[in-house]
PDB file of N, CA and C in Angstrom:
ATOM      1  N   UNK A   1     -17.006-199.081 199.346  1.00  0.00           N
ATOM      2  CA  UNK A   1     -17.939-198.163 198.742  1.00  0.00           C
ATOM      3  C   UNK A   1     -17.781-198.201 197.231  1.00  0.00           C
ATOM      4  N   UNK A   2     -18.879-198.342 196.534  1.00  0.00           N
ATOM      5  CA  UNK A   2     -18.825-198.406 195.081  1.00  0.00           C
ATOM      6  C   UNK A   2     -18.662-197.016 194.484  1.00  0.00           C
ATOM      7  N   UNK A   3     -17.949-196.970 193.383  1.00  0.00           N
ATOM      8  CA  UNK A   3     -17.779-195.711 192.668  1.00  0.00           C
ATOM      9  C   UNK A   3     -18.910-195.589 191.657  1.00  0.00           C
ATOM     10  N   UNK A   4     -19.976-194.896 192.033  1.00  0.00           N
ATOM     11  CA  UNK A   4     -21.119-194.728 191.141  1.00  0.00           C
ATOM     12  C   UNK A   4     -20.895-193.495 190.285  1.00  0.00           C
ATOM     13  N   UNK A   5     -21.171-193.658 189.007  1.00  0.00           N
ATOM     14  CA  UNK A   5     -20.957-192.577 188.067  1.00  0.00           C
ATOM     15  C   UNK A   5     -22.305-192.005 187.641  1.00  0.00           C
ATOM     16  N   UNK A   6     -22.381-190.693 187.550  1.00  0.00           N
ATOM     17  CA  UNK A   6     -23.586-190.026 187.088  1.00  0.00           C
ATOM     18  C   UNK A   6     -23.746-190.308 185.595  1.00  0.00           C
ATOM     19  N   UNK A   7     -24.922-190.729 185.146  1.00  0.00           N
ATOM     20  CA  UNK A   7     -25.063-191.148 183.749  1.00  0.00           C
ATOM     21  C   UNK A   7     -24.940-190.016 182.727  1.00  0.00           C
ATOM     22  N   UNK A   8     -25.145-188.794 183.139  1.00  0.00           N
ATOM     23  CA  UNK A   8     -25.053-187.676 182.202  1.00  0.00           C
ATOM     24  C   UNK A   8     -23.719-186.970 182.376  1.00  0.00           C
ATOM     25  N   UNK A   9     -23.028-186.765 181.292  1.00  0.00           N
ATOM     26  CA  UNK A   9     -21.719-186.113 181.306  1.00  0.00           C
ATOM     27  C   UNK A   9     -21.880-184.605 181.146  1.00  0.00           C
ATOM     28  N   UNK A  10     -20.763-183.918 181.071  1.00  0.00           N
ATOM     29  CA  UNK A  10     -20.756-182.458 180.981  1.00  0.00           C
ATOM     30  C   UNK A  10     -21.450-181.914 179.750  1.00  0.00           C
ATOM     31  N   UNK A  11     -21.215-182.540 178.585  1.00  0.00           N
ATOM     32  CA  UNK A  11     -21.857-182.052 177.354  1.00  0.00           C
ATOM     33  C   UNK A  11     -23.362-182.258 177.407  1.00  0.00           C
ATOM     34  N   UNK A  12     -23.793-183.367 178.001  1.00  0.00           N
ATOM     35  CA  UNK A  12     -25.225-183.601 178.149  1.00  0.00           C
ATOM     36  C   UNK A  12     -25.855-182.515 179.021  1.00  0.00           C
ATOM     37  N   UNK A  13     -25.197-182.214 180.121  1.00  0.00           N
ATOM     38  CA  UNK A  13     -25.721-181.187 181.022  1.00  0.00           C
ATOM     39  C   UNK A  13     -25.723-179.818 180.356  1.00  0.00           C
ATOM     40  N   UNK A  14     -24.740-179.561 179.507  1.00  0.00           N
ATOM     41  CA  UNK A  14     -24.711-178.302 178.761  1.00  0.00           C
ATOM     42  C   UNK A  14     -25.913-178.206 177.829  1.00  0.00           C
ATOM     43  N   UNK A  15     -26.207-179.285 177.091  1.00  0.00           N
ATOM     44  CA  UNK A  15     -27.368-179.283 176.195  1.00  0.00           C
ATOM     45  C   UNK A  15     -28.668-179.120 176.982  1.00  0.00           C
ATOM     46  N   UNK A  16     -28.770-179.774 178.126  1.00  0.00           N
ATOM     47  CA  UNK A  16     -29.972-179.649 178.952  1.00  0.00           C
ATOM     48  C   UNK A  16     -30.120-178.217 179.452  1.00  0.00           C
ATOM     49  N   UNK A  17     -29.017-177.593 179.871  1.00  0.00           N
ATOM     50  CA  UNK A  17     -29.061-176.198 180.315  1.00  0.00           C
ATOM     51  C   UNK A  17     -29.473-175.254 179.204  1.00  0.00           C
ATOM     52  N   UNK A  18     -28.948-175.474 177.998  1.00  0.00           N
ATOM     53  CA  UNK A  18     -29.338-174.645 176.853  1.00  0.00           C
ATOM     54  C   UNK A  18     -30.824-174.822 176.566  1.00  0.00           C
ATOM     55  N   UNK A  19     -31.300-176.055 176.650  1.00  0.00           N
ATOM     56  CA  UNK A  19     -32.723-176.317 176.427  1.00  0.00           C
ATOM     57  C   UNK A  19     -33.602-175.621 177.445  1.00  0.00           C
ATOM     58  N   UNK A  20     -33.221-175.688 178.718  1.00  0.00           N
ATOM     59  CA  UNK A  20     -34.000-175.003 179.751  1.00  0.00           C
ATOM     60  C   UNK A  20     -33.990-173.493 179.543  1.00  0.00           C
ATOM     61  N   UNK A  21     -32.858-172.956 179.099  1.00  0.00           N
ATOM     62  CA  UNK A  21     -32.789-171.519 178.823  1.00  0.00           C
ATOM     63  C   UNK A  21     -33.732-171.145 177.683  1.00  0.00           C
ATOM     64  N   UNK A  22     -33.784-171.969 176.639  1.00  0.00           N
ATOM     65  CA  UNK A  22     -34.700-171.693 175.526  1.00  0.00           C
ATOM     66  C   UNK A  22     -36.159-171.779 175.966  1.00  0.00           C
ATOM     67  N   UNK A  23     -36.481-172.751 176.802  1.00  0.00           N
ATOM     68  CA  UNK A  23     -37.848-172.858 177.317  1.00  0.00           C
ATOM     69  C   UNK A  23     -38.199-171.613 178.123  1.00  0.00           C
ATOM     70  N   UNK A  24     -37.289-171.172 178.968  1.00  0.00           N
ATOM     71  CA  UNK A  24     -37.523-169.975 179.774  1.00  0.00           C
ATOM     72  C   UNK A  24     -37.712-168.746 178.885  1.00  0.00           C
ATOM     73  N   UNK A  25     -36.879-168.599 177.866  1.00  0.00           N
ATOM     74  CA  UNK A  25     -37.015-167.470 176.942  1.00  0.00           C
ATOM     75  C   UNK A  25     -38.364-167.524 176.237  1.00  0.00           C
ATOM     76  N   UNK A  26     -38.779-168.716 175.818  1.00  0.00           N
ATOM     77  CA  UNK A  26     -40.084-168.859 175.168  1.00  0.00           C
ATOM     78  C   UNK A  26     -41.223-168.432 176.074  1.00  0.00           C
ATOM     79  N   UNK A  27     -41.182-168.863 177.330  1.00  0.00           N
ATOM     80  CA  UNK A  27     -42.239-168.475 178.265  1.00  0.00           C
ATOM     81  C   UNK A  27     -42.196-166.980 178.572  1.00  0.00           C
ATOM     82  N   UNK A  28     -41.014-166.410 178.666  1.00  0.00           N
ATOM     83  CA  UNK A  28     -40.921-164.971 178.918  1.00  0.00           C
ATOM     84  C   UNK A  28     -41.470-164.168 177.745  1.00  0.00           C
ATOM     85  N   UNK A  29     -41.265-164.662 176.523  1.00  0.00           N
ATOM     86  CA  UNK A  29     -41.804-163.969 175.355  1.00  0.00           C
ATOM     87  C   UNK A  29     -43.329-164.053 175.286  1.00  0.00           C
ATOM     88  N   UNK A  30     -43.913-165.057 175.919  1.00  0.00           N
ATOM     89  CA  UNK A  30     -45.374-165.184 175.926  1.00  0.00           C
ATOM     90  C   UNK A  30     -46.043-164.246 176.924  1.00  0.00           C
ATOM     91  N   UNK A  31     -45.276-163.700 177.850  1.00  0.00           N
ATOM     92  CA  UNK A  31     -45.858-162.849 178.884  1.00  0.00           C
ATOM     93  C   UNK A  31     -46.308-161.516 178.310  1.00  0.00           C
ATOM     94  N   UNK A  32     -47.250-160.921 178.978  1.00  0.00           N
ATOM     95  CA  UNK A  32     -47.715-159.598 178.590  1.00  0.00           C
ATOM     96  C   UNK A  32     -49.019-159.287 179.299  1.00  0.00           C
ATOM     97  N   UNK A  33     -49.522-158.102 179.036  1.00  0.00           N
ATOM     98  CA  UNK A  33     -50.762-157.669 179.674  1.00  0.00           C
ATOM     99  C   UNK A  33     -51.949-158.409 179.051  1.00  0.00           C
ATOM    100  N   UNK A  34     -52.864-158.898 179.883  1.00  0.00           N
ATOM    101  CA  UNK A  34     -54.031-159.603 179.345  1.00  0.00           C
ATOM    102  C   UNK A  34     -55.129-158.630 178.929  1.00  0.00           C
ATOM    103  N   UNK A  35     -56.101-159.128 178.199  1.00  0.00           N
ATOM    104  CA  UNK A  35     -57.286-158.336 177.901  1.00  0.00           C
ATOM    105  C   UNK A  35     -58.227-158.423 179.097  1.00  0.00           C
ATOM    106  N   UNK A  36     -58.910-157.335 179.363  1.00  0.00           N
ATOM    107  CA  UNK A  36     -59.908-157.316 180.429  1.00  0.00           C
ATOM    108  C   UNK A  36     -61.241-156.919 179.819  1.00  0.00           C
ATOM    109  N   UNK A  37     -62.298-156.952 180.616  1.00  0.00           N
ATOM    110  CA  UNK A  37     -63.607-156.552 180.102  1.00  0.00           C
ATOM    111  C   UNK A  37     -63.658-155.054 179.834  1.00  0.00           C
ATOM    112  N   UNK A  38     -62.850-154.284 180.548  1.00  0.00           N
ATOM    113  CA  UNK A  38     -62.847-152.835 180.360  1.00  0.00           C
ATOM    114  C   UNK A  38     -61.986-152.411 179.177  1.00  0.00           C
ATOM    115  N   UNK A  39     -60.912-153.122 178.928  1.00  0.00           N
ATOM    116  CA  UNK A  39     -59.972-152.717 177.877  1.00  0.00           C
ATOM    117  C   UNK A  39     -59.530-153.941 177.084  1.00  0.00           C
ATOM    118  N   UNK A  40     -59.712-153.850 175.771  1.00  0.00           N
ATOM    119  CA  UNK A  40     -59.277-154.926 174.886  1.00  0.00           C
ATOM    120  C   UNK A  40     -57.828-154.683 174.504  1.00  0.00           C
ATOM    121  N   UNK A  41     -57.015-155.701 174.650  1.00  0.00           N
ATOM    122  CA  UNK A  41     -55.606-155.603 174.301  1.00  0.00           C
ATOM    123  C   UNK A  41     -55.348-156.502 173.091  1.00  0.00           C
ATOM    124  N   UNK A  42     -55.232-155.920 171.886  1.00  0.00           N
ATOM    125  CA  UNK A  42     -55.018-156.757 170.696  1.00  0.00           C
ATOM    126  C   UNK A  42     -53.642-157.414 170.663  1.00  0.00           C
ATOM    127  N   UNK A  43     -52.766-157.029 171.573  1.00  0.00           N
ATOM    128  CA  UNK A  43     -51.414-157.594 171.610  1.00  0.00           C
ATOM    129  C   UNK A  43     -51.412-159.068 172.018  1.00  0.00           C
ATOM    130  N   UNK A  44     -52.531-159.552 172.575  1.00  0.00           N
ATOM    131  CA  UNK A  44     -52.569-160.961 172.958  1.00  0.00           C
ATOM    132  C   UNK A  44     -52.545-161.869 171.735  1.00  0.00           C
ATOM    133  N   UNK A  45     -52.868-161.333 170.566  1.00  0.00           N
ATOM    134  CA  UNK A  45     -52.850-162.117 169.334  1.00  0.00           C
ATOM    135  C   UNK A  45     -51.657-161.777 168.455  1.00  0.00           C
ATOM    136  N   UNK A  46     -50.612-161.207 169.035  1.00  0.00           N
ATOM    137  CA  UNK A  46     -49.436-160.843 168.247  1.00  0.00           C
ATOM    138  C   UNK A  46     -48.675-162.098 167.823  1.00  0.00           C
ATOM    139  N   UNK A  47     -47.933-161.962 166.749  1.00  0.00           N
ATOM    140  CA  UNK A  47     -47.144-163.078 166.225  1.00  0.00           C
ATOM    141  C   UNK A  47     -46.122-163.554 167.242  1.00  0.00           C
ATOM    142  N   UNK A  48     -45.584-162.638 168.001  1.00  0.00           N
ATOM    143  CA  UNK A  48     -44.585-163.004 169.014  1.00  0.00           C
ATOM    144  C   UNK A  48     -45.181-163.939 170.050  1.00  0.00           C
ATOM    145  N   UNK A  49     -46.424-163.690 170.456  1.00  0.00           N
ATOM    146  CA  UNK A  49     -47.023-164.469 171.532  1.00  0.00           C
ATOM    147  C   UNK A  49     -47.628-165.793 171.087  1.00  0.00           C
ATOM    148  N   UNK A  50     -48.100-165.884 169.843  1.00  0.00           N
ATOM    149  CA  UNK A  50     -48.785-167.113 169.442  1.00  0.00           C
ATOM    150  C   UNK A  50     -47.995-167.966 168.455  1.00  0.00           C
ATOM    151  N   UNK A  51     -46.880-167.453 167.919  1.00  0.00           N
ATOM    152  CA  UNK A  51     -46.091-168.246 166.970  1.00  0.00           C
ATOM    153  C   UNK A  51     -44.644-168.387 167.436  1.00  0.00           C
ATOM    154  N   UNK A  52     -43.978-167.263 167.641  1.00  0.00           N
ATOM    155  CA  UNK A  52     -42.536-167.279 167.915  1.00  0.00           C
ATOM    156  C   UNK A  52     -42.232-167.879 169.288  1.00  0.00           C
ATOM    157  N   UNK A  53     -42.901-167.389 170.321  1.00  0.00           N
ATOM    158  CA  UNK A  53     -42.610-167.852 171.681  1.00  0.00           C
ATOM    159  C   UNK A  53     -42.891-169.346 171.875  1.00  0.00           C
ATOM    160  N   UNK A  54     -44.049-169.864 171.435  1.00  0.00           N
ATOM    161  CA  UNK A  54     -44.250-171.312 171.584  1.00  0.00           C
ATOM    162  C   UNK A  54     -43.257-172.138 170.767  1.00  0.00           C
ATOM    163  N   UNK A  55     -42.856-171.626 169.611  1.00  0.00           N
ATOM    164  CA  UNK A  55     -41.865-172.344 168.799  1.00  0.00           C
ATOM    165  C   UNK A  55     -40.530-172.430 169.520  1.00  0.00           C
ATOM    166  N   UNK A  56     -40.112-171.333 170.138  1.00  0.00           N
ATOM    167  CA  UNK A  56     -38.849-171.332 170.885  1.00  0.00           C
ATOM    168  C   UNK A  56     -38.934-172.282 172.076  1.00  0.00           C
ATOM    169  N   UNK A  57     -40.075-172.275 172.775  1.00  0.00           N
ATOM    170  CA  UNK A  57     -40.241-173.182 173.911  1.00  0.00           C
ATOM    171  C   UNK A  57     -40.221-174.643 173.448  1.00  0.00           C
ATOM    172  N   UNK A  58     -40.866-174.937 172.321  1.00  0.00           N
ATOM    173  CA  UNK A  58     -40.872-176.303 171.794  1.00  0.00           C
ATOM    174  C   UNK A  58     -39.462-176.756 171.419  1.00  0.00           C
ATOM    175  N   UNK A  59     -38.711-175.878 170.765  1.00  0.00           N
ATOM    176  CA  UNK A  59     -37.321-176.205 170.418  1.00  0.00           C
ATOM    177  C   UNK A  59     -36.518-176.446 171.692  1.00  0.00           C
ATOM    178  N   UNK A  60     -36.782-175.648 172.735  1.00  0.00           N
ATOM    179  CA  UNK A  60     -36.099-175.846 174.008  1.00  0.00           C
ATOM    180  C   UNK A  60     -36.381-177.215 174.604  1.00  0.00           C
ATOM    181  N   UNK A  61     -37.644-177.653 174.557  1.00  0.00           N
ATOM    182  CA  UNK A  61     -37.977-178.988 175.060  1.00  0.00           C
ATOM    183  C   UNK A  61     -37.284-180.067 174.230  1.00  0.00           C
ATOM    184  N   UNK A  62     -37.216-179.865 172.913  1.00  0.00           N
ATOM    185  CA  UNK A  62     -36.534-180.833 172.048  1.00  0.00           C
ATOM    186  C   UNK A  62     -35.042-180.903 172.375  1.00  0.00           C
ATOM    187  N   UNK A  63     -34.431-179.761 172.673  1.00  0.00           N
ATOM    188  CA  UNK A  63     -33.006-179.737 173.026  1.00  0.00           C
ATOM    189  C   UNK A  63     -32.781-180.452 174.357  1.00  0.00           C
ATOM    190  N   UNK A  64     -33.694-180.295 175.300  1.00  0.00           N
ATOM    191  CA  UNK A  64     -33.579-181.006 176.582  1.00  0.00           C
ATOM    192  C   UNK A  64     -33.640-182.516 176.347  1.00  0.00           C
ATOM    193  N   UNK A  65     -34.575-182.962 175.527  1.00  0.00           N
ATOM    194  CA  UNK A  65     -34.680-184.396 175.228  1.00  0.00           C
ATOM    195  C   UNK A  65     -33.404-184.881 174.547  1.00  0.00           C
ATOM    196  N   UNK A  66     -32.877-184.092 173.604  1.00  0.00           N
ATOM    197  CA  UNK A  66     -31.622-184.456 172.944  1.00  0.00           C
ATOM    198  C   UNK A  66     -30.492-184.567 173.966  1.00  0.00           C
ATOM    199  N   UNK A  67     -30.433-183.618 174.898  1.00  0.00           N
ATOM    200  CA  UNK A  67     -29.393-183.650 175.922  1.00  0.00           C
ATOM    201  C   UNK A  67     -29.480-184.873 176.817  1.00  0.00           C
ATOM    202  N   UNK A  68     -30.692-185.343 177.060  1.00  0.00           N
ATOM    203  CA  UNK A  68     -30.867-186.529 177.897  1.00  0.00           C
ATOM    204  C   UNK A  68     -30.491-187.796 177.131  1.00  0.00           C
ATOM    205  N   UNK A  69     -30.865-187.871 175.861  1.00  0.00           N
ATOM    206  CA  UNK A  69     -30.662-189.094 175.086  1.00  0.00           C
ATOM    207  C   UNK A  69     -29.302-189.187 174.409  1.00  0.00           C
ATOM    208  N   UNK A  70     -28.563-188.108 174.348  1.00  0.00           N
ATOM    209  CA  UNK A  70     -27.285-188.065 173.628  1.00  0.00           C
ATOM    210  C   UNK A  70     -26.264-188.980 174.294  1.00  0.00           C
ATOM    211  N   UNK A  71     -25.552-189.739 173.474  1.00  0.00           N
ATOM    212  CA  UNK A  71     -24.480-190.600 173.979  1.00  0.00           C
ATOM    213  C   UNK A  71     -23.144-189.988 173.612  1.00  0.00           C
ATOM    214  N   UNK A  72     -22.175-190.124 174.503  1.00  0.00           N
ATOM    215  CA  UNK A  72     -20.822-189.671 174.198  1.00  0.00           C
ATOM    216  C   UNK A  72     -20.169-190.649 173.236  1.00  0.00           C
ATOM    217  N   UNK A  73     -19.402-190.108 172.321  1.00  0.00           N
ATOM    218  CA  UNK A  73     -18.665-190.964 171.389  1.00  0.00           C
ATOM    219  C   UNK A  73     -17.404-191.473 172.072  1.00  0.00           C
ATOM    220  N   UNK A  74     -17.208-192.747 171.996  1.00  0.00           N
ATOM    221  CA  UNK A  74     -16.004-193.340 172.592  1.00  0.00           C
ATOM    222  C   UNK A  74     -14.891-193.337 171.560  1.00  0.00           C
ATOM    223  N   UNK A  75     -13.699-192.955 171.989  1.00  0.00           N
ATOM    224  CA  UNK A  75     -12.559-192.908 171.064  1.00  0.00           C
ATOM    225  C   UNK A  75     -11.779-194.191 171.102  1.00  0.00           C
TER     226      UNK A  75
END
């Protein structure tokens, strides 16, 4: 039986986990009550929902990509 090694090490998995957490936080910050025909909700255009949350989610995706592409330094 061959000894197959998983290509991603512990630090890579840590970076990927941090990235997924940031993506989740970004999506949670985007949540909120929608506008309906009966009631207009101006909160749908808040800075948190259209600037901050997507930025956090984008950074999270970038961290996931970094975690996948990162190489361990050999000593």
